[in-house]
Amino acid sequence: MREFWQGILNQLQDIFDAAAIGAAVADYLSRIVIGLAVFLVVYLLWSLVRRLVRPVLARTRLDETATTFVMTILKYAILTIGAVNALAAAGINTASVLASLGIAGLTIGFAARDAFSNIISGILIFMDRPFVIGDLVEIDDNYGRVSQITLRSTRIITRDGKMLAVPNSDIINKTVASYTNFPHLRLDIDVTVGVSEDIGRVRRLLLGIVETNPAFLQTPAPRVVVVALNDYNVALQLQAWIADERAHVEMRFELREQVFETLNQAGVDMPFETLQIRPLDVNLQPA
């Protein structure tokens, strides 16, 4: 019996041998340091590649959107290679790790399907190019300039200085209005006048506003069209083209104000629906 317990004691001493534990910990820490050093070298290599490649791409015909896409793919490719080499340098069997990731990827993919959907949508946006960096767009009533397109989201700077990060999967499934895909943009200003007004006179007044303003194009020519004949008014629309699409919001505000002032000073009737409430005298006394 004494020999039995002595054997157990010897085994425990071997397990908790301070020297052996110290050597194992030192070896483990050294492998971690080597792995981190390898990844750091790869990261510094990526920083160098980024500084060298981006100016080269800038001198090509690629725009900012395509350049960003190339740099993003290059970044993840280099960092992935660096991570694999760092694991190998740390003494970890990368084949078994990749196999484990493949099995775990099914579960992770199901849990993070929204994130993967945004990544796939981001790639489709880069390929389809409904807009590029710098474009003025409107997505789901969100208007602003595209500042960055990543694999996860598209970032838009609004007119009031807010940054909106719109998930790419939302953009793929919604209508995107671009204000900069074409060289010119048309402003449409709606106005209603009385049914007794001279439409020709009103048309001349409205066209006079844009024909004397160099900010508006004369080719295509501006025009005023009748869009509806209502019971109490005639709905008109002033259509004028501008060259600088970046100023269309401010110009729309200014043009709408000029239309009102011009018609008001000319005495043009601009009726609108009103609701009048009058007291009604009712005799509630019994007969």
C-alpha atoms as a PDB file:
ATOM      1  CA  MET A   1       0.000   0.000   0.000  1.00  0.00           C
ATOM      2  CA  ARG A   2       2.842   2.328   0.867  1.00  0.00           C
ATOM      3  CA  GLU A   3       4.376   1.708  -2.556  1.00  0.00           C
ATOM      4  CA  PHE A   4       1.049   2.543  -4.221  1.00  0.00           C
ATOM      5  CA  TRP A   5       0.754   5.950  -2.562  1.00  0.00           C
ATOM      6  CA  GLN A   6       4.415   6.617  -3.174  1.00  0.00           C
ATOM      7  CA  GLY A   7       3.808   6.033  -6.882  1.00  0.00           C
ATOM      8  CA  ILE A   8       0.894   8.496  -6.876  1.00  0.00           C
ATOM      9  CA  LEU A   9       3.049  11.049  -5.098  1.00  0.00           C
ATOM     10  CA  ASN A  10       5.844  10.658  -7.637  1.00  0.00           C
ATOM     11  CA  GLN A  11       3.402  11.192 -10.504  1.00  0.00           C
ATOM     12  CA  LEU A  12       2.016  14.354  -8.892  1.00  0.00           C
ATOM     13  CA  GLN A  13       5.522  15.655  -8.393  1.00  0.00           C
ATOM     14  CA  ASP A  14       6.261  15.072 -12.067  1.00  0.00           C
ATOM     15  CA  ILE A  15       3.084  16.923 -13.054  1.00  0.00           C
ATOM     16  CA  PHE A  16       3.718  19.908 -10.791  1.00  0.00           C
ATOM     17  CA  ASP A  17       7.451  20.026 -11.382  1.00  0.00           C
ATOM     18  CA  ALA A  18       8.262  23.744 -11.226  1.00  0.00           C
ATOM     19  CA  ALA A  19      11.143  23.449 -13.655  1.00  0.00           C
ATOM     20  CA  ALA A  20       9.055  21.594 -16.205  1.00  0.00           C
ATOM     21  CA  ILE A  21       6.185  24.046 -15.844  1.00  0.00           C
ATOM     22  CA  GLY A  22       8.544  26.981 -16.170  1.00  0.00           C
ATOM     23  CA  ALA A  23      10.079  25.560 -19.325  1.00  0.00           C
ATOM     24  CA  ALA A  24       6.640  24.894 -20.837  1.00  0.00           C
ATOM     25  CA  VAL A  25       5.434  28.402 -20.021  1.00  0.00           C
ATOM     26  CA  ALA A  26       8.610  29.933 -21.428  1.00  0.00           C
ATOM     27  CA  ASP A  27       8.246  27.905 -24.613  1.00  0.00           C
ATOM     28  CA  TYR A  28       4.573  28.872 -24.930  1.00  0.00           C
ATOM     29  CA  LEU A  29       5.276  32.561 -24.381  1.00  0.00           C
ATOM     30  CA  SER A  30       8.151  32.532 -26.851  1.00  0.00           C
ATOM     31  CA  ARG A  31       5.897  31.030 -29.510  1.00  0.00           C
ATOM     32  CA  ILE A  32       3.280  33.725 -28.855  1.00  0.00           C
ATOM     33  CA  VAL A  33       5.923  36.444 -29.142  1.00  0.00           C
ATOM     34  CA  ILE A  34       7.204  34.962 -32.413  1.00  0.00           C
ATOM     35  CA  GLY A  35       3.654  34.767 -33.803  1.00  0.00           C
ATOM     36  CA  LEU A  36       2.889  38.363 -32.831  1.00  0.00           C
ATOM     37  CA  ALA A  37       6.195  39.494 -34.327  1.00  0.00           C
ATOM     38  CA  VAL A  38       5.369  37.781 -37.626  1.00  0.00           C
ATOM     39  CA  PHE A  39       1.924  39.400 -37.740  1.00  0.00           C
ATOM     40  CA  LEU A  40       3.435  42.793 -36.879  1.00  0.00           C
ATOM     41  CA  VAL A  41       5.901  42.451 -39.752  1.00  0.00           C
ATOM     42  CA  VAL A  42       3.068  41.566 -42.135  1.00  0.00           C
ATOM     43  CA  TYR A  43       1.020  44.539 -40.891  1.00  0.00           C
ATOM     44  CA  LEU A  44       3.963  46.875 -41.456  1.00  0.00           C
ATOM     45  CA  LEU A  45       4.324  45.324 -44.900  1.00  0.00           C
ATOM     46  CA  TRP A  46       0.673  46.142 -45.597  1.00  0.00           C
ATOM     47  CA  SER A  47       1.238  49.744 -44.502  1.00  0.00           C
ATOM     48  CA  LEU A  48       4.163  49.980 -46.919  1.00  0.00           C
ATOM     49  CA  VAL A  49       2.181  48.390 -49.745  1.00  0.00           C
ATOM     50  CA  ARG A  50      -0.711  50.802 -49.113  1.00  0.00           C
ATOM     51  CA  ARG A  51       1.573  53.821 -49.363  1.00  0.00           C
ATOM     52  CA  LEU A  52       3.154  52.522 -52.564  1.00  0.00           C
ATOM     53  CA  VAL A  53       0.108  51.114 -54.358  1.00  0.00           C
ATOM     54  CA  ARG A  54      -2.458  53.882 -53.728  1.00  0.00           C
ATOM     55  CA  PRO A  55      -0.441  56.598 -55.563  1.00  0.00           C
ATOM     56  CA  VAL A  56       0.070  54.170 -58.449  1.00  0.00           C
ATOM     57  CA  LEU A  57      -3.671  53.485 -58.655  1.00  0.00           C
ATOM     58  CA  ALA A  58      -4.363  57.216 -58.455  1.00  0.00           C
ATOM     59  CA  ARG A  59      -2.357  57.720 -61.657  1.00  0.00           C
ATOM     60  CA  THR A  60      -4.446  55.145 -63.515  1.00  0.00           C
ATOM     61  CA  ARG A  61      -7.975  55.501 -64.880  1.00  0.00           C
ATOM     62  CA  LEU A  62      -9.482  53.968 -61.773  1.00  0.00           C
ATOM     63  CA  ASP A  63     -11.730  56.303 -59.801  1.00  0.00           C
ATOM     64  CA  GLU A  64     -11.804  56.579 -56.013  1.00  0.00           C
ATOM     65  CA  THR A  65     -14.465  53.876 -55.670  1.00  0.00           C
ATOM     66  CA  ALA A  66     -12.523  51.283 -57.669  1.00  0.00           C
ATOM     67  CA  THR A  67      -9.305  52.236 -55.889  1.00  0.00           C
ATOM     68  CA  THR A  68     -10.977  51.738 -52.504  1.00  0.00           C
ATOM     69  CA  PHE A  69     -12.299  48.342 -53.590  1.00  0.00           C
ATOM     70  CA  VAL A  70      -8.855  47.170 -54.767  1.00  0.00           C
ATOM     71  CA  MET A  71      -7.184  48.407 -51.592  1.00  0.00           C
ATOM     72  CA  THR A  72      -9.815  46.715 -49.401  1.00  0.00           C
ATOM     73  CA  ILE A  73      -9.377  43.337 -51.110  1.00  0.00           C
ATOM     74  CA  LEU A  74      -5.590  43.704 -50.974  1.00  0.00           C
ATOM     75  CA  LYS A  75      -5.722  44.587 -47.276  1.00  0.00           C
ATOM     76  CA  TYR A  76      -7.771  41.569 -46.237  1.00  0.00           C
ATOM     77  CA  ALA A  77      -5.706  39.246 -48.444  1.00  0.00           C
ATOM     78  CA  ILE A  78      -2.390  40.381 -46.933  1.00  0.00           C
ATOM     79  CA  LEU A  79      -3.688  40.346 -43.356  1.00  0.00           C
ATOM     80  CA  THR A  80      -5.202  36.885 -43.824  1.00  0.00           C
ATOM     81  CA  ILE A  81      -1.881  35.559 -45.116  1.00  0.00           C
ATOM     82  CA  GLY A  82      -0.174  37.258 -42.178  1.00  0.00           C
ATOM     83  CA  ALA A  83      -2.538  35.648 -39.664  1.00  0.00           C
ATOM     84  CA  VAL A  84      -1.947  32.174 -41.129  1.00  0.00           C
ATOM     85  CA  ASN A  85       1.831  32.637 -41.063  1.00  0.00           C
ATOM     86  CA  ALA A  86       1.681  34.012 -37.509  1.00  0.00           C
ATOM     87  CA  LEU A  87      -0.190  30.911 -36.342  1.00  0.00           C
ATOM     88  CA  ALA A  88       2.340  28.672 -38.094  1.00  0.00           C
ATOM     89  CA  ALA A  89       5.243  30.572 -36.522  1.00  0.00           C
ATOM     90  CA  ALA A  90       3.610  30.099 -33.118  1.00  0.00           C
ATOM     91  CA  GLY A  91       3.697  26.345 -33.645  1.00  0.00           C
ATOM     92  CA  ILE A  92      -0.030  25.962 -34.262  1.00  0.00           C
ATOM     93  CA  ASN A  93      -1.159  23.472 -36.879  1.00  0.00           C
ATOM     94  CA  THR A  94      -2.840  25.793 -39.370  1.00  0.00           C
ATOM     95  CA  ALA A  95      -4.424  22.913 -41.289  1.00  0.00           C
ATOM     96  CA  SER A  96      -6.361  21.800 -38.224  1.00  0.00           C
ATOM     97  CA  VAL A  97      -7.261  25.409 -37.415  1.00  0.00           C
ATOM     98  CA  LEU A  98      -8.615  25.995 -40.923  1.00  0.00           C
ATOM     99  CA  ALA A  99     -10.554  22.735 -40.742  1.00  0.00           C
ATOM    100  CA  SER A 100     -12.031  23.772 -37.401  1.00  0.00           C
ATOM    101  CA  LEU A 101     -12.925  27.169 -38.805  1.00  0.00           C
ATOM    102  CA  GLY A 102     -14.653  25.472 -41.715  1.00  0.00           C
ATOM    103  CA  ILE A 103     -16.834  23.473 -39.349  1.00  0.00           C
ATOM    104  CA  ALA A 104     -17.474  26.409 -37.052  1.00  0.00           C
ATOM    105  CA  GLY A 105     -18.093  28.630 -40.049  1.00  0.00           C
ATOM    106  CA  LEU A 106     -21.475  27.028 -40.621  1.00  0.00           C
ATOM    107  CA  THR A 107     -22.658  28.035 -37.168  1.00  0.00           C
ATOM    108  CA  ILE A 108     -20.987  31.423 -37.295  1.00  0.00           C
ATOM    109  CA  GLY A 109     -22.350  32.057 -40.779  1.00  0.00           C
ATOM    110  CA  PHE A 110     -25.899  31.382 -39.644  1.00  0.00           C
ATOM    111  CA  ALA A 111     -25.514  33.642 -36.615  1.00  0.00           C
ATOM    112  CA  ALA A 112     -23.851  36.426 -38.629  1.00  0.00           C
ATOM    113  CA  ARG A 113     -25.850  36.077 -41.819  1.00  0.00           C
ATOM    114  CA  ASP A 114     -26.733  39.786 -41.790  1.00  0.00           C
ATOM    115  CA  ALA A 115     -23.051  40.735 -41.679  1.00  0.00           C
ATOM    116  CA  PHE A 116     -22.226  38.364 -44.549  1.00  0.00           C
ATOM    117  CA  SER A 117     -25.210  39.723 -46.471  1.00  0.00           C
ATOM    118  CA  ASN A 118     -23.783  43.235 -46.129  1.00  0.00           C
ATOM    119  CA  ILE A 119     -20.372  42.037 -47.359  1.00  0.00           C
ATOM    120  CA  ILE A 120     -21.859  40.333 -50.428  1.00  0.00           C
ATOM    121  CA  SER A 121     -23.984  43.425 -51.082  1.00  0.00           C
ATOM    122  CA  GLY A 122     -20.884  45.608 -50.773  1.00  0.00           C
ATOM    123  CA  ILE A 123     -19.104  43.546 -53.423  1.00  0.00           C
ATOM    124  CA  LEU A 124     -22.159  43.845 -55.690  1.00  0.00           C
ATOM    125  CA  ILE A 125     -22.189  47.621 -55.200  1.00  0.00           C
ATOM    126  CA  PHE A 126     -18.515  47.796 -56.180  1.00  0.00           C
ATOM    127  CA  MET A 127     -19.249  45.722 -59.298  1.00  0.00           C
ATOM    128  CA  ASP A 128     -22.585  47.278 -60.323  1.00  0.00           C
ATOM    129  CA  ARG A 129     -21.521  50.836 -59.417  1.00  0.00           C
ATOM    130  CA  PRO A 130     -24.941  52.514 -59.029  1.00  0.00           C
ATOM    131  CA  PHE A 131     -22.975  55.367 -57.467  1.00  0.00           C
ATOM    132  CA  VAL A 132     -19.363  56.204 -56.686  1.00  0.00           C
ATOM    133  CA  ILE A 133     -17.589  58.099 -53.947  1.00  0.00           C
ATOM    134  CA  GLY A 134     -18.440  61.787 -54.202  1.00  0.00           C
ATOM    135  CA  ASP A 135     -21.898  61.281 -55.745  1.00  0.00           C
ATOM    136  CA  LEU A 136     -24.989  63.002 -54.394  1.00  0.00           C
ATOM    137  CA  VAL A 137     -27.547  60.297 -53.675  1.00  0.00           C
ATOM    138  CA  GLU A 138     -30.887  59.800 -51.974  1.00  0.00           C
ATOM    139  CA  ILE A 139     -31.503  56.447 -50.289  1.00  0.00           C
ATOM    140  CA  ASP A 140     -34.753  55.914 -48.405  1.00  0.00           C
ATOM    141  CA  ASP A 141     -35.259  59.688 -47.898  1.00  0.00           C
ATOM    142  CA  ASN A 142     -31.630  60.038 -46.761  1.00  0.00           C
ATOM    143  CA  TYR A 143     -29.919  62.634 -48.961  1.00  0.00           C
ATOM    144  CA  GLY A 144     -26.215  63.370 -48.967  1.00  0.00           C
ATOM    145  CA  ARG A 145     -22.809  62.848 -50.543  1.00  0.00           C
ATOM    146  CA  VAL A 146     -21.166  59.413 -50.575  1.00  0.00           C
ATOM    147  CA  SER A 147     -17.953  59.689 -48.570  1.00  0.00           C
ATOM    148  CA  GLN A 148     -16.917  56.039 -48.261  1.00  0.00           C
ATOM    149  CA  ILE A 149     -17.978  52.599 -49.476  1.00  0.00           C
ATOM    150  CA  THR A 150     -16.866  49.669 -47.344  1.00  0.00           C
ATOM    151  CA  LEU A 151     -17.715  45.989 -47.506  1.00  0.00           C
ATOM    152  CA  ARG A 152     -20.206  46.435 -44.666  1.00  0.00           C
ATOM    153  CA  SER A 153     -21.827  49.820 -45.219  1.00  0.00           C
ATOM    154  CA  THR A 154     -21.954  52.953 -47.332  1.00  0.00           C
ATOM    155  CA  ARG A 155     -21.284  56.201 -45.513  1.00  0.00           C
ATOM    156  CA  ILE A 156     -23.173  59.332 -46.506  1.00  0.00           C
ATOM    157  CA  ILE A 157     -22.580  62.886 -45.297  1.00  0.00           C
ATOM    158  CA  THR A 158     -25.902  64.739 -45.093  1.00  0.00           C
ATOM    159  CA  ARG A 159     -26.464  68.446 -45.677  1.00  0.00           C
ATOM    160  CA  ASP A 160     -26.599  69.110 -41.936  1.00  0.00           C
ATOM    161  CA  GLY A 161     -23.224  67.443 -41.346  1.00  0.00           C
ATOM    162  CA  LYS A 162     -24.374  64.057 -40.086  1.00  0.00           C
ATOM    163  CA  MET A 163     -22.656  60.840 -41.151  1.00  0.00           C
ATOM    164  CA  LEU A 164     -25.059  58.019 -42.001  1.00  0.00           C
ATOM    165  CA  ALA A 165     -23.766  54.449 -42.216  1.00  0.00           C
ATOM    166  CA  VAL A 166     -26.311  52.668 -44.414  1.00  0.00           C
ATOM    167  CA  PRO A 167     -25.967  48.846 -44.478  1.00  0.00           C
ATOM    168  CA  ASN A 168     -25.144  47.636 -47.977  1.00  0.00           C
ATOM    169  CA  SER A 169     -27.910  45.024 -47.884  1.00  0.00           C
ATOM    170  CA  ASP A 170     -30.453  47.843 -47.435  1.00  0.00           C
ATOM    171  CA  ILE A 171     -29.052  49.687 -50.454  1.00  0.00           C
ATOM    172  CA  ILE A 172     -29.290  46.605 -52.672  1.00  0.00           C
ATOM    173  CA  ASN A 173     -32.986  46.177 -51.821  1.00  0.00           C
ATOM    174  CA  LYS A 174     -34.008  49.836 -52.164  1.00  0.00           C
ATOM    175  CA  THR A 175     -34.259  52.435 -54.893  1.00  0.00           C
ATOM    176  CA  VAL A 176     -31.217  54.696 -55.111  1.00  0.00           C
ATOM    177  CA  ALA A 177     -31.604  58.152 -56.650  1.00  0.00           C
ATOM    178  CA  SER A 178     -28.334  59.589 -57.936  1.00  0.00           C
ATOM    179  CA  TYR A 179     -28.063  63.294 -58.669  1.00  0.00           C
ATOM    180  CA  THR A 180     -24.646  63.129 -60.337  1.00  0.00           C
ATOM    181  CA  ASN A 181     -24.816  60.270 -62.848  1.00  0.00           C
ATOM    182  CA  PHE A 182     -25.653  62.714 -65.633  1.00  0.00           C
ATOM    183  CA  PRO A 183     -24.028  66.042 -66.514  1.00  0.00           C
ATOM    184  CA  HIS A 184     -27.135  68.164 -65.838  1.00  0.00           C
ATOM    185  CA  LEU A 185     -30.009  68.167 -63.374  1.00  0.00           C
ATOM    186  CA  ARG A 186     -33.532  69.551 -63.767  1.00  0.00           C
ATOM    187  CA  LEU A 187     -35.332  71.505 -61.081  1.00  0.00           C
ATOM    188  CA  ASP A 188     -39.126  71.214 -60.978  1.00  0.00           C
ATOM    189  CA  ILE A 189     -41.055  73.914 -59.100  1.00  0.00           C
ATOM    190  CA  ASP A 190     -44.806  73.448 -58.664  1.00  0.00           C
ATOM    191  CA  VAL A 191     -47.167  76.403 -58.405  1.00  0.00           C
ATOM    192  CA  THR A 192     -50.939  76.844 -58.592  1.00  0.00           C
ATOM    193  CA  VAL A 193     -52.760  79.847 -60.066  1.00  0.00           C
ATOM    194  CA  GLY A 194     -56.392  80.814 -60.277  1.00  0.00           C
ATOM    195  CA  VAL A 195     -58.547  79.427 -63.064  1.00  0.00           C
ATOM    196  CA  SER A 196     -59.139  82.952 -64.385  1.00  0.00           C
ATOM    197  CA  GLU A 197     -55.433  83.749 -64.768  1.00  0.00           C
ATOM    198  CA  ASP A 198     -53.803  84.141 -68.185  1.00  0.00           C
ATOM    199  CA  ILE A 199     -51.595  81.041 -68.481  1.00  0.00           C
ATOM    200  CA  GLY A 200     -49.468  82.667 -71.184  1.00  0.00           C
ATOM    201  CA  ARG A 201     -48.712  85.654 -68.946  1.00  0.00           C
ATOM    202  CA  VAL A 202     -47.847  83.428 -66.003  1.00  0.00           C
ATOM    203  CA  ARG A 203     -45.592  81.340 -68.258  1.00  0.00           C
ATOM    204  CA  ARG A 204     -43.693  84.445 -69.392  1.00  0.00           C
ATOM    205  CA  LEU A 205     -43.234  85.591 -65.801  1.00  0.00           C
ATOM    206  CA  LEU A 206     -41.857  82.231 -64.703  1.00  0.00           C
ATOM    207  CA  LEU A 207     -39.547  81.804 -67.690  1.00  0.00           C
ATOM    208  CA  GLY A 208     -38.209  85.307 -67.143  1.00  0.00           C
ATOM    209  CA  ILE A 209     -36.834  84.194 -63.779  1.00  0.00           C
ATOM    210  CA  VAL A 210     -34.593  81.463 -65.185  1.00  0.00           C
ATOM    211  CA  GLU A 211     -33.796  82.951 -68.598  1.00  0.00           C
ATOM    212  CA  THR A 212     -31.981  85.894 -67.016  1.00  0.00           C
ATOM    213  CA  ASN A 213     -30.083  83.773 -64.490  1.00  0.00           C
ATOM    214  CA  PRO A 214     -26.757  82.364 -65.802  1.00  0.00           C
ATOM    215  CA  ALA A 215     -26.947  79.513 -63.283  1.00  0.00           C
ATOM    216  CA  PHE A 216     -29.710  77.950 -65.394  1.00  0.00           C
ATOM    217  CA  LEU A 217     -29.081  76.326 -68.760  1.00  0.00           C
ATOM    218  CA  GLN A 218     -30.871  77.446 -71.887  1.00  0.00           C
ATOM    219  CA  THR A 219     -30.166  74.145 -73.622  1.00  0.00           C
ATOM    220  CA  PRO A 220     -32.236  72.169 -72.815  1.00  0.00           C
ATOM    221  CA  ALA A 221     -34.614  75.095 -72.730  1.00  0.00           C
ATOM    222  CA  PRO A 222     -36.648  75.796 -69.595  1.00  0.00           C
ATOM    223  CA  ARG A 223     -40.403  75.429 -69.876  1.00  0.00           C
ATOM    224  CA  VAL A 224     -43.663  75.795 -67.980  1.00  0.00           C
ATOM    225  CA  VAL A 225     -46.251  73.038 -68.337  1.00  0.00           C
ATOM    226  CA  VAL A 226     -49.782  72.519 -67.052  1.00  0.00           C
ATOM    227  CA  VAL A 227     -49.776  69.408 -64.871  1.00  0.00           C
ATOM    228  CA  ALA A 228     -53.365  69.443 -63.560  1.00  0.00           C
ATOM    229  CA  LEU A 229     -56.698  71.247 -63.925  1.00  0.00           C
ATOM    230  CA  ASN A 230     -58.275  71.317 -60.496  1.00  0.00           C
ATOM    231  CA  ASP A 231     -61.656  72.577 -59.332  1.00  0.00           C
ATOM    232  CA  TYR A 232     -60.335  75.862 -57.940  1.00  0.00           C
ATOM    233  CA  ASN A 233     -56.896  76.289 -59.498  1.00  0.00           C
ATOM    234  CA  VAL A 234     -54.554  75.336 -62.322  1.00  0.00           C
ATOM    235  CA  ALA A 235     -51.390  73.440 -61.348  1.00  0.00           C
ATOM    236  CA  LEU A 236     -48.270  74.519 -63.253  1.00  0.00           C
ATOM    237  CA  GLN A 237     -44.696  73.294 -63.119  1.00  0.00           C
ATOM    238  CA  LEU A 238     -41.571  75.292 -63.943  1.00  0.00           C
ATOM    239  CA  GLN A 239     -38.856  73.001 -65.314  1.00  0.00           C
ATOM    240  CA  ALA A 240     -35.326  74.403 -65.564  1.00  0.00           C
ATOM    241  CA  TRP A 241     -31.956  72.669 -66.009  1.00  0.00           C
ATOM    242  CA  ILE A 242     -28.826  73.510 -64.017  1.00  0.00           C
ATOM    243  CA  ALA A 243     -25.180  72.713 -64.722  1.00  0.00           C
ATOM    244  CA  ASP A 244     -23.908  72.392 -61.156  1.00  0.00           C
ATOM    245  CA  GLU A 245     -25.814  69.530 -59.556  1.00  0.00           C
ATOM    246  CA  ARG A 246     -24.029  70.124 -56.257  1.00  0.00           C
ATOM    247  CA  ALA A 247     -25.990  73.345 -55.706  1.00  0.00           C
ATOM    248  CA  HIS A 248     -29.408  71.988 -56.641  1.00  0.00           C
ATOM    249  CA  VAL A 249     -30.804  72.019 -53.095  1.00  0.00           C
ATOM    250  CA  GLU A 250     -29.964  75.672 -52.442  1.00  0.00           C
ATOM    251  CA  MET A 251     -31.030  76.659 -55.958  1.00  0.00           C
ATOM    252  CA  ARG A 252     -34.358  74.901 -55.491  1.00  0.00           C
ATOM    253  CA  PHE A 253     -35.025  76.906 -52.325  1.00  0.00           C
ATOM    254  CA  GLU A 254     -34.053  80.172 -54.023  1.00  0.00           C
ATOM    255  CA  LEU A 255     -36.062  79.458 -57.168  1.00  0.00           C
ATOM    256  CA  ARG A 256     -39.191  78.594 -55.187  1.00  0.00           C
ATOM    257  CA  GLU A 257     -38.900  81.896 -53.311  1.00  0.00           C
ATOM    258  CA  GLN A 258     -38.332  83.853 -56.532  1.00  0.00           C
ATOM    259  CA  VAL A 259     -41.387  82.241 -58.110  1.00  0.00           C
ATOM    260  CA  PHE A 260     -43.579  83.292 -55.201  1.00  0.00           C
ATOM    261  CA  GLU A 261     -42.227  86.859 -55.103  1.00  0.00           C
ATOM    262  CA  THR A 262     -42.520  87.325 -58.876  1.00  0.00           C
ATOM    263  CA  LEU A 263     -46.110  86.105 -59.094  1.00  0.00           C
ATOM    264  CA  ASN A 264     -47.116  87.961 -55.949  1.00  0.00           C
ATOM    265  CA  GLN A 265     -45.675  91.260 -57.205  1.00  0.00           C
ATOM    266  CA  ALA A 266     -47.398  90.737 -60.563  1.00  0.00           C
ATOM    267  CA  GLY A 267     -50.736  90.306 -58.818  1.00  0.00           C
ATOM    268  CA  VAL A 268     -51.197  86.713 -59.930  1.00  0.00           C
ATOM    269  CA  ASP A 269     -53.838  84.898 -57.923  1.00  0.00           C
ATOM    270  CA  MET A 270     -52.360  81.846 -56.191  1.00  0.00           C
ATOM    271  CA  PRO A 271     -55.360  80.268 -54.462  1.00  0.00           C
ATOM    272  CA  PHE A 272     -55.162  77.543 -51.886  1.00  0.00           C
ATOM    273  CA  GLU A 273     -57.782  75.518 -50.128  1.00  0.00           C
ATOM    274  CA  THR A 274     -59.240  77.129 -47.012  1.00  0.00           C
ATOM    275  CA  LEU A 275     -61.635  75.930 -44.377  1.00  0.00           C
ATOM    276  CA  GLN A 276     -63.962  78.477 -42.833  1.00  0.00           C
ATOM    277  CA  ILE A 277     -65.764  77.726 -39.571  1.00  0.00           C
ATOM    278  CA  ARG A 278     -68.719  79.969 -38.758  1.00  0.00           C
ATOM    279  CA  PRO A 279     -70.975  79.849 -35.711  1.00  0.00           C
ATOM    280  CA  LEU A 280     -74.433  78.538 -36.414  1.00  0.00           C
ATOM    281  CA  ASP A 281     -77.357  79.920 -34.445  1.00  0.00           C
ATOM    282  CA  VAL A 282     -79.609  77.038 -33.529  1.00  0.00           C
ATOM    283  CA  ASN A 283     -82.744  77.425 -31.462  1.00  0.00           C
ATOM    284  CA  LEU A 284     -82.676  74.611 -28.928  1.00  0.00           C
ATOM    285  CA  GLN A 285     -85.773  75.805 -27.051  1.00  0.00           C
ATOM    286  CA  PRO A 286     -88.713  73.406 -27.179  1.00  0.00           C
ATOM    287  CA  ALA A 287     -91.550  74.467 -29.412  1.00  0.00           C
END
